[in-house]
């Protein structure tokens, strides 16, 4: 059964500071939301579940935007559950990159189509980079205010390096695609099979390989 990690996102965010459900959603979008997509439809059910499990405590609150009624605090039991999860070996997630899949099968369309796909992703990466740069500036302005700030900065730095690497690769890929000629004759071979075939044919006949 696939583990529901939303509970740990909630516990982690509320470990930094108590929040209402509305504020929690905003904080997720502006922080871990850059690299971990959450289903916001699960947020309030998760808050209720964690409260029932005594990992959170809901305290009455007044005013503020969003749903009124409760500010959520992590209990010691909740902090222990978060620490136990963080201590586990990290699972390596399988890679599913639609851009790379479409580039791999780019021979099915004109080079201009692949170039448009690349440019569209580059635009999204530039927007993501701008958002991360804003997050980095916000963290710098809060330097020293929270003991976990160095960990937060590391995740922002990862995002910035990832987007910069992605943009550099797209620039390179656009150059390669731009040199493609429409109607170029392509060998009817399975991907990567040609190189394997050349290696096999290069072996001397007879004797030990």
C-alpha atoms as a PDB file:
ATOM      1  CA  UNK A   1       0.000   0.000   0.000  1.00  0.00           C
ATOM      2  CA  UNK A   2       1.310   3.441  -0.920  1.00  0.00           C
ATOM      3  CA  UNK A   3       2.085   5.540   2.141  1.00  0.00           C
ATOM      4  CA  UNK A   4       0.226   8.808   2.556  1.00  0.00           C
ATOM      5  CA  UNK A   5       3.010  11.371   2.916  1.00  0.00           C
ATOM      6  CA  UNK A   6       0.584  14.282   3.255  1.00  0.00           C
ATOM      7  CA  UNK A   7       0.520  13.610   6.988  1.00  0.00           C
ATOM      8  CA  UNK A   8       4.268  14.228   7.214  1.00  0.00           C
ATOM      9  CA  UNK A   9       4.055  17.399   5.134  1.00  0.00           C
ATOM     10  CA  UNK A  10       1.438  18.676   7.585  1.00  0.00           C
ATOM     11  CA  UNK A  11       3.443  17.625  10.645  1.00  0.00           C
ATOM     12  CA  UNK A  12       6.616  19.174   9.247  1.00  0.00           C
ATOM     13  CA  UNK A  13       5.027  22.488   8.340  1.00  0.00           C
ATOM     14  CA  UNK A  14       3.266  22.794  11.685  1.00  0.00           C
ATOM     15  CA  UNK A  15       6.492  21.930  13.504  1.00  0.00           C
ATOM     16  CA  UNK A  16       7.874  25.221  12.213  1.00  0.00           C
ATOM     17  CA  UNK A  17       4.895  27.206  13.533  1.00  0.00           C
ATOM     18  CA  UNK A  18       1.249  26.645  14.528  1.00  0.00           C
ATOM     19  CA  UNK A  19      -1.193  27.599  11.751  1.00  0.00           C
ATOM     20  CA  UNK A  20      -4.797  27.527  10.668  1.00  0.00           C
ATOM     21  CA  UNK A  21      -5.700  25.220   7.811  1.00  0.00           C
ATOM     22  CA  UNK A  22      -5.840  28.173   5.421  1.00  0.00           C
ATOM     23  CA  UNK A  23      -2.404  29.466   6.464  1.00  0.00           C
ATOM     24  CA  UNK A  24      -1.009  25.937   6.193  1.00  0.00           C
ATOM     25  CA  UNK A  25      -2.170  25.682   2.591  1.00  0.00           C
ATOM     26  CA  UNK A  26      -0.537  29.018   1.758  1.00  0.00           C
ATOM     27  CA  UNK A  27       2.713  28.023   3.431  1.00  0.00           C
ATOM     28  CA  UNK A  28       2.855  24.709   1.582  1.00  0.00           C
ATOM     29  CA  UNK A  29       2.327  26.462  -1.756  1.00  0.00           C
ATOM     30  CA  UNK A  30       5.150  28.913  -1.045  1.00  0.00           C
ATOM     31  CA  UNK A  31       7.702  26.414   0.270  1.00  0.00           C
ATOM     32  CA  UNK A  32       7.599  22.634  -0.233  1.00  0.00           C
ATOM     33  CA  UNK A  33       5.094  23.170  -3.034  1.00  0.00           C
ATOM     34  CA  UNK A  34       8.041  24.048  -5.269  1.00  0.00           C
ATOM     35  CA  UNK A  35       9.176  20.415  -5.205  1.00  0.00           C
ATOM     36  CA  UNK A  36       6.371  18.384  -3.622  1.00  0.00           C
ATOM     37  CA  UNK A  37       2.878  18.600  -5.084  1.00  0.00           C
ATOM     38  CA  UNK A  38       0.141  18.109  -2.517  1.00  0.00           C
ATOM     39  CA  UNK A  39      -3.542  17.368  -2.989  1.00  0.00           C
ATOM     40  CA  UNK A  40      -5.194  20.236  -1.133  1.00  0.00           C
ATOM     41  CA  UNK A  41      -8.422  18.243  -1.049  1.00  0.00           C
ATOM     42  CA  UNK A  42      -6.653  15.955   1.439  1.00  0.00           C
ATOM     43  CA  UNK A  43      -5.444  18.760   3.680  1.00  0.00           C
ATOM     44  CA  UNK A  44      -8.431  19.224   5.991  1.00  0.00           C
ATOM     45  CA  UNK A  45      -9.192  15.481   6.266  1.00  0.00           C
ATOM     46  CA  UNK A  46      -5.520  14.959   7.188  1.00  0.00           C
ATOM     47  CA  UNK A  47      -5.704  17.686   9.836  1.00  0.00           C
ATOM     48  CA  UNK A  48      -8.761  16.019  11.355  1.00  0.00           C
ATOM     49  CA  UNK A  49      -7.132  12.573  11.217  1.00  0.00           C
ATOM     50  CA  UNK A  50      -3.909  13.745  12.850  1.00  0.00           C
ATOM     51  CA  UNK A  51      -5.900  15.517  15.547  1.00  0.00           C
ATOM     52  CA  UNK A  52      -7.847  12.318  16.234  1.00  0.00           C
ATOM     53  CA  UNK A  53      -4.537  10.456  16.499  1.00  0.00           C
ATOM     54  CA  UNK A  54      -3.317  13.095  18.996  1.00  0.00           C
ATOM     55  CA  UNK A  55      -0.417  14.057  16.732  1.00  0.00           C
ATOM     56  CA  UNK A  56      -1.948  17.534  16.477  1.00  0.00           C
ATOM     57  CA  UNK A  57      -3.907  19.682  18.871  1.00  0.00           C
ATOM     58  CA  UNK A  58      -6.588  22.031  17.548  1.00  0.00           C
ATOM     59  CA  UNK A  59      -6.975  25.223  19.549  1.00  0.00           C
ATOM     60  CA  UNK A  60      -9.704  27.779  19.046  1.00  0.00           C
ATOM     61  CA  UNK A  61      -8.556  30.884  17.182  1.00  0.00           C
ATOM     62  CA  UNK A  62     -10.136  34.216  16.361  1.00  0.00           C
ATOM     63  CA  UNK A  63     -10.170  36.175  13.141  1.00  0.00           C
ATOM     64  CA  UNK A  64      -7.727  35.703  10.270  1.00  0.00           C
ATOM     65  CA  UNK A  65      -8.414  34.692   6.692  1.00  0.00           C
ATOM     66  CA  UNK A  66      -9.813  31.366   5.598  1.00  0.00           C
ATOM     67  CA  UNK A  67     -11.605  28.865   7.775  1.00  0.00           C
ATOM     68  CA  UNK A  68     -12.123  30.146  11.275  1.00  0.00           C
ATOM     69  CA  UNK A  69     -12.201  28.003  14.331  1.00  0.00           C
ATOM     70  CA  UNK A  70      -8.843  26.321  14.935  1.00  0.00           C
ATOM     71  CA  UNK A  71      -5.109  26.787  14.934  1.00  0.00           C
ATOM     72  CA  UNK A  72      -3.212  23.517  14.770  1.00  0.00           C
ATOM     73  CA  UNK A  73      -0.227  22.756  17.023  1.00  0.00           C
ATOM     74  CA  UNK A  74       2.069  19.742  16.808  1.00  0.00           C
ATOM     75  CA  UNK A  75       2.148  17.612  19.949  1.00  0.00           C
ATOM     76  CA  UNK A  76       5.244  15.827  21.246  1.00  0.00           C
ATOM     77  CA  UNK A  77       3.767  12.646  19.851  1.00  0.00           C
ATOM     78  CA  UNK A  78       3.457  14.364  16.466  1.00  0.00           C
ATOM     79  CA  UNK A  79       7.081  15.522  16.562  1.00  0.00           C
ATOM     80  CA  UNK A  80       8.177  11.975  17.343  1.00  0.00           C
ATOM     81  CA  UNK A  81       6.169  10.622  14.377  1.00  0.00           C
ATOM     82  CA  UNK A  82       7.775  13.195  12.071  1.00  0.00           C
ATOM     83  CA  UNK A  83      11.278  12.379  13.359  1.00  0.00           C
ATOM     84  CA  UNK A  84      10.656   8.649  12.879  1.00  0.00           C
ATOM     85  CA  UNK A  85       9.608   9.184   9.251  1.00  0.00           C
ATOM     86  CA  UNK A  86      12.538  11.526   8.452  1.00  0.00           C
ATOM     87  CA  UNK A  87      14.919   8.910   9.915  1.00  0.00           C
ATOM     88  CA  UNK A  88      13.783   6.184   7.492  1.00  0.00           C
ATOM     89  CA  UNK A  89      15.809   5.449   4.344  1.00  0.00           C
ATOM     90  CA  UNK A  90      14.616   7.654   1.493  1.00  0.00           C
ATOM     91  CA  UNK A  91      12.750   5.916  -1.319  1.00  0.00           C
ATOM     92  CA  UNK A  92      14.037   6.666  -4.820  1.00  0.00           C
ATOM     93  CA  UNK A  93      11.092   7.720  -6.948  1.00  0.00           C
ATOM     94  CA  UNK A  94      10.844   6.471 -10.550  1.00  0.00           C
ATOM     95  CA  UNK A  95      11.471   9.215 -13.109  1.00  0.00           C
ATOM     96  CA  UNK A  96       8.567  10.174 -15.382  1.00  0.00           C
ATOM     97  CA  UNK A  97       9.563  13.100 -17.585  1.00  0.00           C
ATOM     98  CA  UNK A  98       7.112  13.799 -20.403  1.00  0.00           C
ATOM     99  CA  UNK A  99       9.445  16.276 -22.106  1.00  0.00           C
ATOM    100  CA  UNK A 100      12.219  13.685 -22.391  1.00  0.00           C
ATOM    101  CA  UNK A 101       9.707  11.108 -23.632  1.00  0.00           C
ATOM    102  CA  UNK A 102       8.557  13.469 -26.396  1.00  0.00           C
ATOM    103  CA  UNK A 103      12.128  14.403 -27.301  1.00  0.00           C
ATOM    104  CA  UNK A 104      13.007  10.694 -27.517  1.00  0.00           C
ATOM    105  CA  UNK A 105      10.170  10.193 -30.020  1.00  0.00           C
ATOM    106  CA  UNK A 106      10.793  13.528 -31.742  1.00  0.00           C
ATOM    107  CA  UNK A 107      11.318  11.806 -35.080  1.00  0.00           C
ATOM    108  CA  UNK A 108       7.546  11.414 -35.358  1.00  0.00           C
ATOM    109  CA  UNK A 109       7.059  15.152 -35.940  1.00  0.00           C
ATOM    110  CA  UNK A 110       8.788  18.083 -37.584  1.00  0.00           C
ATOM    111  CA  UNK A 111      11.748  19.523 -35.625  1.00  0.00           C
ATOM    112  CA  UNK A 112       9.777  22.743 -35.118  1.00  0.00           C
ATOM    113  CA  UNK A 113       7.249  20.862 -32.970  1.00  0.00           C
ATOM    114  CA  UNK A 114       9.947  19.559 -30.654  1.00  0.00           C
ATOM    115  CA  UNK A 115      11.462  23.043 -30.509  1.00  0.00           C
ATOM    116  CA  UNK A 116       8.094  24.464 -29.409  1.00  0.00           C
ATOM    117  CA  UNK A 117       7.833  21.828 -26.679  1.00  0.00           C
ATOM    118  CA  UNK A 118      11.318  22.710 -25.459  1.00  0.00           C
ATOM    119  CA  UNK A 119      10.633  26.457 -25.482  1.00  0.00           C
ATOM    120  CA  UNK A 120       7.354  26.007 -23.566  1.00  0.00           C
ATOM    121  CA  UNK A 121       9.108  24.053 -20.821  1.00  0.00           C
ATOM    122  CA  UNK A 122      11.908  26.644 -20.745  1.00  0.00           C
ATOM    123  CA  UNK A 123       9.325  29.368 -20.103  1.00  0.00           C
ATOM    124  CA  UNK A 124       7.912  27.394 -17.169  1.00  0.00           C
ATOM    125  CA  UNK A 125      11.391  26.783 -15.787  1.00  0.00           C
ATOM    126  CA  UNK A 126      12.191  30.509 -15.967  1.00  0.00           C
ATOM    127  CA  UNK A 127       8.984  31.268 -14.046  1.00  0.00           C
ATOM    128  CA  UNK A 128       9.895  28.613 -11.484  1.00  0.00           C
ATOM    129  CA  UNK A 129      13.398  30.049 -11.168  1.00  0.00           C
ATOM    130  CA  UNK A 130      11.970  33.531 -10.532  1.00  0.00           C
ATOM    131  CA  UNK A 131       9.699  32.155  -7.791  1.00  0.00           C
ATOM    132  CA  UNK A 132      12.610  30.328  -6.181  1.00  0.00           C
ATOM    133  CA  UNK A 133      14.767  33.447  -6.322  1.00  0.00           C
ATOM    134  CA  UNK A 134      11.993  35.251  -4.453  1.00  0.00           C
ATOM    135  CA  UNK A 135      11.900  32.469  -1.875  1.00  0.00           C
ATOM    136  CA  UNK A 136      15.680  32.695  -1.479  1.00  0.00           C
ATOM    137  CA  UNK A 137      15.459  36.450  -0.845  1.00  0.00           C
ATOM    138  CA  UNK A 138      12.713  35.893   1.732  1.00  0.00           C
ATOM    139  CA  UNK A 139      14.853  33.323   3.532  1.00  0.00           C
ATOM    140  CA  UNK A 140      17.825  35.676   3.553  1.00  0.00           C
ATOM    141  CA  UNK A 141      15.693  38.364   5.165  1.00  0.00           C
ATOM    142  CA  UNK A 142      14.739  35.889   7.898  1.00  0.00           C
ATOM    143  CA  UNK A 143      18.271  34.600   8.483  1.00  0.00           C
ATOM    144  CA  UNK A 144      18.822  33.539  12.070  1.00  0.00           C
ATOM    145  CA  UNK A 145      15.141  33.644  12.984  1.00  0.00           C
ATOM    146  CA  UNK A 146      14.531  29.896  12.841  1.00  0.00           C
ATOM    147  CA  UNK A 147      16.955  27.008  13.528  1.00  0.00           C
ATOM    148  CA  UNK A 148      15.675  25.071  10.492  1.00  0.00           C
ATOM    149  CA  UNK A 149      16.409  27.897   8.034  1.00  0.00           C
ATOM    150  CA  UNK A 150      19.645  26.271   6.705  1.00  0.00           C
ATOM    151  CA  UNK A 151      17.652  23.175   5.715  1.00  0.00           C
ATOM    152  CA  UNK A 152      15.052  25.331   3.977  1.00  0.00           C
ATOM    153  CA  UNK A 153      17.775  27.163   2.057  1.00  0.00           C
ATOM    154  CA  UNK A 154      19.225  23.852   0.854  1.00  0.00           C
ATOM    155  CA  UNK A 155      15.925  22.914  -0.794  1.00  0.00           C
ATOM    156  CA  UNK A 156      15.716  26.321  -2.497  1.00  0.00           C
ATOM    157  CA  UNK A 157      19.310  25.971  -3.712  1.00  0.00           C
ATOM    158  CA  UNK A 158      18.486  22.541  -5.152  1.00  0.00           C
ATOM    159  CA  UNK A 159      15.561  24.026  -7.056  1.00  0.00           C
ATOM    160  CA  UNK A 160      17.675  26.872  -8.416  1.00  0.00           C
ATOM    161  CA  UNK A 161      20.428  24.514  -9.569  1.00  0.00           C
ATOM    162  CA  UNK A 162      17.895  22.123 -11.090  1.00  0.00           C
ATOM    163  CA  UNK A 163      16.154  24.868 -13.072  1.00  0.00           C
ATOM    164  CA  UNK A 164      19.472  26.341 -14.217  1.00  0.00           C
ATOM    165  CA  UNK A 165      20.679  22.926 -15.389  1.00  0.00           C
ATOM    166  CA  UNK A 166      17.380  22.318 -17.146  1.00  0.00           C
ATOM    167  CA  UNK A 167      17.540  25.654 -18.945  1.00  0.00           C
ATOM    168  CA  UNK A 168      21.125  24.986 -20.018  1.00  0.00           C
ATOM    169  CA  UNK A 169      20.159  21.574 -21.400  1.00  0.00           C
ATOM    170  CA  UNK A 170      17.191  23.058 -23.277  1.00  0.00           C
ATOM    171  CA  UNK A 171      19.478  25.656 -24.894  1.00  0.00           C
ATOM    172  CA  UNK A 172      21.721  22.811 -26.035  1.00  0.00           C
ATOM    173  CA  UNK A 173      18.758  20.725 -27.226  1.00  0.00           C
ATOM    174  CA  UNK A 174      17.334  23.642 -29.218  1.00  0.00           C
ATOM    175  CA  UNK A 175      20.684  23.948 -30.988  1.00  0.00           C
ATOM    176  CA  UNK A 176      20.671  20.256 -31.890  1.00  0.00           C
ATOM    177  CA  UNK A 177      17.039  20.307 -33.036  1.00  0.00           C
ATOM    178  CA  UNK A 178      17.689  23.450 -35.070  1.00  0.00           C
ATOM    179  CA  UNK A 179      20.265  21.557 -37.120  1.00  0.00           C
ATOM    180  CA  UNK A 180      17.848  18.747 -37.983  1.00  0.00           C
ATOM    181  CA  UNK A 181      16.833  18.613 -41.610  1.00  0.00           C
ATOM    182  CA  UNK A 182      13.255  17.719 -42.575  1.00  0.00           C
ATOM    183  CA  UNK A 183      13.009  14.437 -44.441  1.00  0.00           C
ATOM    184  CA  UNK A 184      16.382  13.142 -43.298  1.00  0.00           C
ATOM    185  CA  UNK A 185      16.617   9.422 -43.951  1.00  0.00           C
ATOM    186  CA  UNK A 186      16.492   7.449 -40.703  1.00  0.00           C
ATOM    187  CA  UNK A 187      17.576   3.876 -40.283  1.00  0.00           C
ATOM    188  CA  UNK A 188      14.770   1.535 -39.237  1.00  0.00           C
ATOM    189  CA  UNK A 189      16.411   0.154 -36.108  1.00  0.00           C
ATOM    190  CA  UNK A 190      15.388  -0.133 -32.501  1.00  0.00           C
ATOM    191  CA  UNK A 191      16.694   2.646 -30.206  1.00  0.00           C
ATOM    192  CA  UNK A 192      20.358   2.149 -29.337  1.00  0.00           C
ATOM    193  CA  UNK A 193      20.425  -1.113 -31.339  1.00  0.00           C
ATOM    194  CA  UNK A 194      22.758   0.262 -34.022  1.00  0.00           C
ATOM    195  CA  UNK A 195      25.616   0.856 -31.590  1.00  0.00           C
ATOM    196  CA  UNK A 196      25.168  -2.592 -30.065  1.00  0.00           C
ATOM    197  CA  UNK A 197      25.235  -4.125 -33.524  1.00  0.00           C
ATOM    198  CA  UNK A 198      28.453  -2.324 -34.414  1.00  0.00           C
ATOM    199  CA  UNK A 199      30.115  -3.573 -31.238  1.00  0.00           C
ATOM    200  CA  UNK A 200      29.059  -7.126 -32.026  1.00  0.00           C
ATOM    201  CA  UNK A 201      30.294  -7.002 -35.635  1.00  0.00           C
ATOM    202  CA  UNK A 202      33.661  -5.592 -34.503  1.00  0.00           C
ATOM    203  CA  UNK A 203      34.503  -8.806 -32.666  1.00  0.00           C
ATOM    204  CA  UNK A 204      37.012 -11.017 -34.545  1.00  0.00           C
ATOM    205  CA  UNK A 205      35.642 -14.209 -36.011  1.00  0.00           C
ATOM    206  CA  UNK A 206      36.915 -17.388 -34.393  1.00  0.00           C
ATOM    207  CA  UNK A 207      39.004 -17.741 -31.271  1.00  0.00           C
ATOM    208  CA  UNK A 208      38.193 -16.218 -27.904  1.00  0.00           C
ATOM    209  CA  UNK A 209      36.136 -12.990 -27.861  1.00  0.00           C
END
